């Protein structure tokens, strides 16, 4: 840039760029470290979009509750075979799924029986030795339902069951065999229990419509 006397003016490249593009430097912030009012957005807003949780004197995470992550609430637990999920299912007399409940691998099968039979009317319940306890038997007596549950060999006072009716327990076994044909069910491919339940419902629907 030549002046009238023909001498050169030495300036920094940043200032030359500002002159060429007609740029204007941002004014310094005020004493309160805020943008001056005439540079703020509409209705006096600064436009930074800072959450309320960060508007204090020190740096911190946003003041909002965070969900605890992990497997403690996803029906996953350690069993003899490793980390797994139990599917406790109830079928009707035709072998179709009525209800099911997910349990962690370390929980006993009899824990979820109350939720499965709650509000249902039935004439009898067929189960294996895992459901042989006095609490479930008392519940069946109160419902006037026939008890067709296999007994533990060490039971002090054995109870008689109808062996012909007990043969129909193969219906629930057949259902689980068909359910395990679905890879996402057999491998517990879903992360959350809700997604896993949805996959089981879809698989049971396909099984029933075959």
Protein backbone atom coordinates (compact mmCIF):
# COMPACT_ATOMS: atom_id res chain seq x y z
CA UNK A 1 0.00 0.00 0.00
CA UNK A 2 1.64 3.19 -1.16
CA UNK A 3 1.22 6.51 0.52
CA UNK A 4 1.51 9.96 -1.03
CA UNK A 5 5.26 10.15 -0.46
CA UNK A 6 5.80 6.78 -2.08
CA UNK A 7 6.79 4.89 1.07
CA UNK A 8 5.49 1.44 2.07
CA UNK A 9 3.27 0.91 5.10
CA UNK A 10 4.06 -2.24 7.10
CA UNK A 11 1.00 -3.77 8.76
CA UNK A 12 0.07 -7.24 9.97
CA UNK A 13 -1.74 -9.59 7.59
CA UNK A 14 -4.76 -9.74 9.91
CA UNK A 15 -5.33 -6.00 9.69
CA UNK A 16 -4.94 -6.05 5.92
CA UNK A 17 -7.54 -8.82 5.70
CA UNK A 18 -9.97 -6.79 7.81
CA UNK A 19 -9.55 -3.80 5.52
CA UNK A 20 -10.09 -5.87 2.38
CA UNK A 21 -13.24 -7.64 3.66
CA UNK A 22 -14.48 -4.64 5.69
CA UNK A 23 -14.54 -6.67 8.88
CA UNK A 24 -15.08 -5.08 12.26
CA UNK A 25 -13.53 -6.40 15.46
CA UNK A 26 -15.84 -7.58 18.25
CA UNK A 27 -16.13 -5.12 21.08
CA UNK A 28 -14.62 -6.15 24.39
CA UNK A 29 -16.97 -7.59 26.97
CA UNK A 30 -18.10 -5.36 29.82
CA UNK A 31 -17.07 -5.54 33.41
CA UNK A 32 -19.81 -8.09 34.12
CA UNK A 33 -18.38 -10.29 31.33
CA UNK A 34 -21.57 -10.06 29.31
CA UNK A 35 -22.17 -9.07 25.73
CA UNK A 36 -23.33 -5.43 25.49
CA UNK A 37 -27.11 -4.98 25.13
CA UNK A 38 -26.90 -3.70 21.53
CA UNK A 39 -25.19 -6.94 20.44
CA UNK A 40 -27.64 -9.33 22.09
CA UNK A 41 -30.28 -11.32 20.26
CA UNK A 42 -33.99 -10.71 20.04
CA UNK A 43 -35.82 -9.87 23.28
CA UNK A 44 -32.55 -9.32 25.14
CA UNK A 45 -31.36 -12.93 24.93
CA UNK A 46 -27.65 -13.58 24.64
CA UNK A 47 -28.18 -16.54 22.30
CA UNK A 48 -25.63 -18.80 23.98
CA UNK A 49 -28.22 -21.46 24.89
CA UNK A 50 -26.56 -22.29 28.22
CA UNK A 51 -28.54 -24.64 30.42
CA UNK A 52 -29.70 -23.43 33.78
CA UNK A 53 -27.58 -26.03 35.53
CA UNK A 54 -24.37 -24.36 34.31
CA UNK A 55 -25.19 -20.83 35.38
CA UNK A 56 -23.10 -20.70 38.52
CA UNK A 57 -19.60 -19.71 39.53
CA UNK A 58 -17.89 -23.08 39.01
CA UNK A 59 -17.76 -25.65 36.23
CA UNK A 60 -20.00 -28.65 36.79
CA UNK A 61 -22.25 -31.10 35.02
CA UNK A 62 -25.86 -30.04 34.26
CA UNK A 63 -28.16 -30.12 37.27
CA UNK A 64 -30.44 -32.91 36.05
CA UNK A 65 -31.03 -36.47 37.24
CA UNK A 66 -29.13 -39.20 35.48
CA UNK A 67 -30.33 -42.78 35.01
CA UNK A 68 -28.12 -45.40 36.57
CA UNK A 69 -26.82 -47.73 33.94
CA UNK A 70 -26.04 -51.43 34.31
CA UNK A 71 -27.63 -54.86 34.30
CA UNK A 72 -29.24 -54.68 37.73
CA UNK A 73 -32.61 -53.68 36.27
CA UNK A 74 -32.46 -55.58 32.94
CA UNK A 75 -33.25 -59.13 34.16
CA UNK A 76 -29.65 -60.28 33.72
CA UNK A 77 -27.91 -62.27 36.43
CA UNK A 78 -25.14 -64.77 37.04
CA UNK A 79 -26.10 -68.44 36.97
CA UNK A 80 -24.08 -71.64 36.77
CA UNK A 81 -23.65 -71.17 33.03
CA UNK A 82 -22.72 -67.49 33.24
CA UNK A 83 -24.71 -64.29 32.79
CA UNK A 84 -28.17 -65.13 31.54
CA UNK A 85 -31.89 -64.37 31.70
CA UNK A 86 -34.63 -66.80 32.71
CA UNK A 87 -37.94 -66.86 30.85
CA UNK A 88 -40.75 -68.01 33.13
CA UNK A 89 -43.71 -68.79 30.86
CA UNK A 90 -47.31 -69.92 31.24
CA UNK A 91 -49.16 -71.61 28.37
CA UNK A 92 -52.75 -72.71 27.92
CA UNK A 93 -54.03 -76.23 27.23
CA UNK A 94 -53.05 -75.87 23.56
CA UNK A 95 -49.48 -74.82 24.25
CA UNK A 96 -50.00 -71.15 23.33
CA UNK A 97 -48.31 -68.46 25.38
CA UNK A 98 -50.51 -66.76 27.98
CA UNK A 99 -47.97 -64.81 30.02
CA UNK A 100 -44.26 -64.76 30.70
CA UNK A 101 -41.88 -63.04 33.08
CA UNK A 102 -38.16 -62.34 32.86
CA UNK A 103 -35.95 -63.19 35.82
CA UNK A 104 -32.20 -62.80 36.39
CA UNK A 105 -30.20 -65.99 36.13
CA UNK A 106 -29.67 -66.33 39.87
CA UNK A 107 -33.35 -66.05 40.84
CA UNK A 108 -35.40 -69.15 41.59
CA UNK A 109 -38.17 -70.07 39.15
CA UNK A 110 -40.90 -70.08 41.78
CA UNK A 111 -40.40 -66.38 42.52
CA UNK A 112 -42.43 -65.21 39.52
CA UNK A 113 -45.35 -67.65 39.73
CA UNK A 114 -47.60 -65.18 41.60
CA UNK A 115 -47.31 -62.63 38.78
CA UNK A 116 -48.09 -65.24 36.13
CA UNK A 117 -51.31 -66.54 37.66
CA UNK A 118 -52.59 -63.26 39.09
CA UNK A 119 -56.13 -62.55 37.91
CA UNK A 120 -56.40 -65.77 35.88
CA UNK A 121 -58.98 -68.52 36.22
CA UNK A 122 -57.83 -72.09 35.56
CA UNK A 123 -58.72 -75.60 36.63
CA UNK A 124 -55.21 -76.89 37.27
CA UNK A 125 -51.52 -76.03 37.09
CA UNK A 126 -48.84 -78.35 35.69
CA UNK A 127 -45.24 -77.73 36.67
CA UNK A 128 -41.92 -79.41 37.34
CA UNK A 129 -40.02 -79.82 40.61
CA UNK A 130 -38.85 -76.18 40.58
CA UNK A 131 -42.38 -75.11 41.55
CA UNK A 132 -42.82 -77.65 44.34
CA UNK A 133 -43.24 -75.49 47.44
CA UNK A 134 -45.95 -75.05 50.03
CA UNK A 135 -46.71 -71.45 49.10
CA UNK A 136 -47.73 -72.33 45.54
CA UNK A 137 -49.66 -75.38 46.69
CA UNK A 138 -51.62 -73.31 49.22
CA UNK A 139 -52.43 -70.80 46.48
CA UNK A 140 -53.80 -73.56 44.25
CA UNK A 141 -55.92 -74.94 47.09
CA UNK A 142 -57.35 -71.47 47.70
CA UNK A 143 -58.24 -71.22 44.00
CA UNK A 144 -59.78 -74.72 44.00
CA UNK A 145 -57.37 -75.64 41.18
CA UNK A 146 -55.86 -79.08 40.71
CA UNK A 147 -52.23 -79.39 41.71
CA UNK A 148 -50.19 -81.27 39.08
CA UNK A 149 -46.69 -80.28 40.18
CA UNK A 150 -43.90 -82.82 40.32
CA UNK A 151 -42.53 -83.30 43.82
CA UNK A 152 -39.04 -83.31 45.25
CA UNK A 153 -37.86 -86.80 46.28
CA UNK A 154 -37.05 -85.53 49.77
CA UNK A 155 -40.54 -84.19 50.49
CA UNK A 156 -41.63 -85.34 53.94
CA UNK A 157 -45.29 -85.84 53.09
CA UNK A 158 -45.65 -86.76 49.39
CA UNK A 159 -48.84 -85.76 47.60
CA UNK A 160 -50.48 -87.73 44.87
CA UNK A 161 -50.75 -86.22 41.39
CA UNK A 162 -52.47 -87.48 38.26
CA UNK A 163 -49.74 -89.03 36.08
CA UNK A 164 -51.87 -88.85 32.93
CA UNK A 165 -52.41 -85.10 33.31
CA UNK A 166 -48.74 -84.56 34.12
CA UNK A 167 -47.82 -85.97 30.71
CA UNK A 168 -49.24 -82.79 29.17
CA UNK A 169 -46.30 -80.85 30.56
CA UNK A 170 -44.66 -81.48 27.21
CA UNK A 171 -46.70 -78.54 25.87
CA UNK A 172 -44.56 -75.98 27.71
CA UNK A 173 -41.40 -77.86 26.73
CA UNK A 174 -42.47 -77.82 23.08
CA UNK A 175 -43.13 -74.10 23.31
CA UNK A 176 -39.63 -73.38 24.59
CA UNK A 177 -38.12 -75.57 21.87
CA UNK A 178 -39.94 -73.49 19.25
CA UNK A 179 -39.02 -70.26 21.00
CA UNK A 180 -35.32 -71.09 20.97
CA UNK A 181 -35.43 -71.45 17.20
CA UNK A 182 -35.41 -67.65 17.12
CA UNK A 183 -31.77 -66.63 17.41
CA UNK A 184 -32.42 -63.24 19.04
CA UNK A 185 -34.38 -64.98 21.80
CA UNK A 186 -31.93 -67.82 22.37
CA UNK A 187 -28.89 -65.51 22.56
CA UNK A 188 -30.54 -62.63 24.45
CA UNK A 189 -29.47 -60.28 21.67
CA UNK A 190 -31.38 -57.32 23.11
CA UNK A 191 -29.74 -54.97 25.60
CA UNK A 192 -32.79 -53.96 27.63
CA UNK A 193 -35.47 -56.16 29.14
CA UNK A 194 -38.27 -54.24 27.37
CA UNK A 195 -36.75 -54.87 23.94
CA UNK A 196 -36.19 -58.52 24.84
CA UNK A 197 -39.83 -58.86 25.93
CA UNK A 198 -40.96 -57.35 22.62
CA UNK A 199 -38.93 -59.92 20.67
CA UNK A 200 -40.46 -62.76 22.72
CA UNK A 201 -43.96 -61.44 22.02
CA UNK A 202 -43.21 -61.32 18.30
CA UNK A 203 -41.76 -64.84 18.33
CA UNK A 204 -44.76 -66.19 20.27
CA UNK A 205 -47.11 -64.57 17.75
CA UNK A 206 -45.30 -66.25 14.87
CA UNK A 207 -45.41 -69.61 16.68
CA UNK A 208 -49.15 -69.34 17.31
CA UNK A 209 -49.96 -68.42 13.69
CA UNK A 210 -48.05 -71.34 12.17
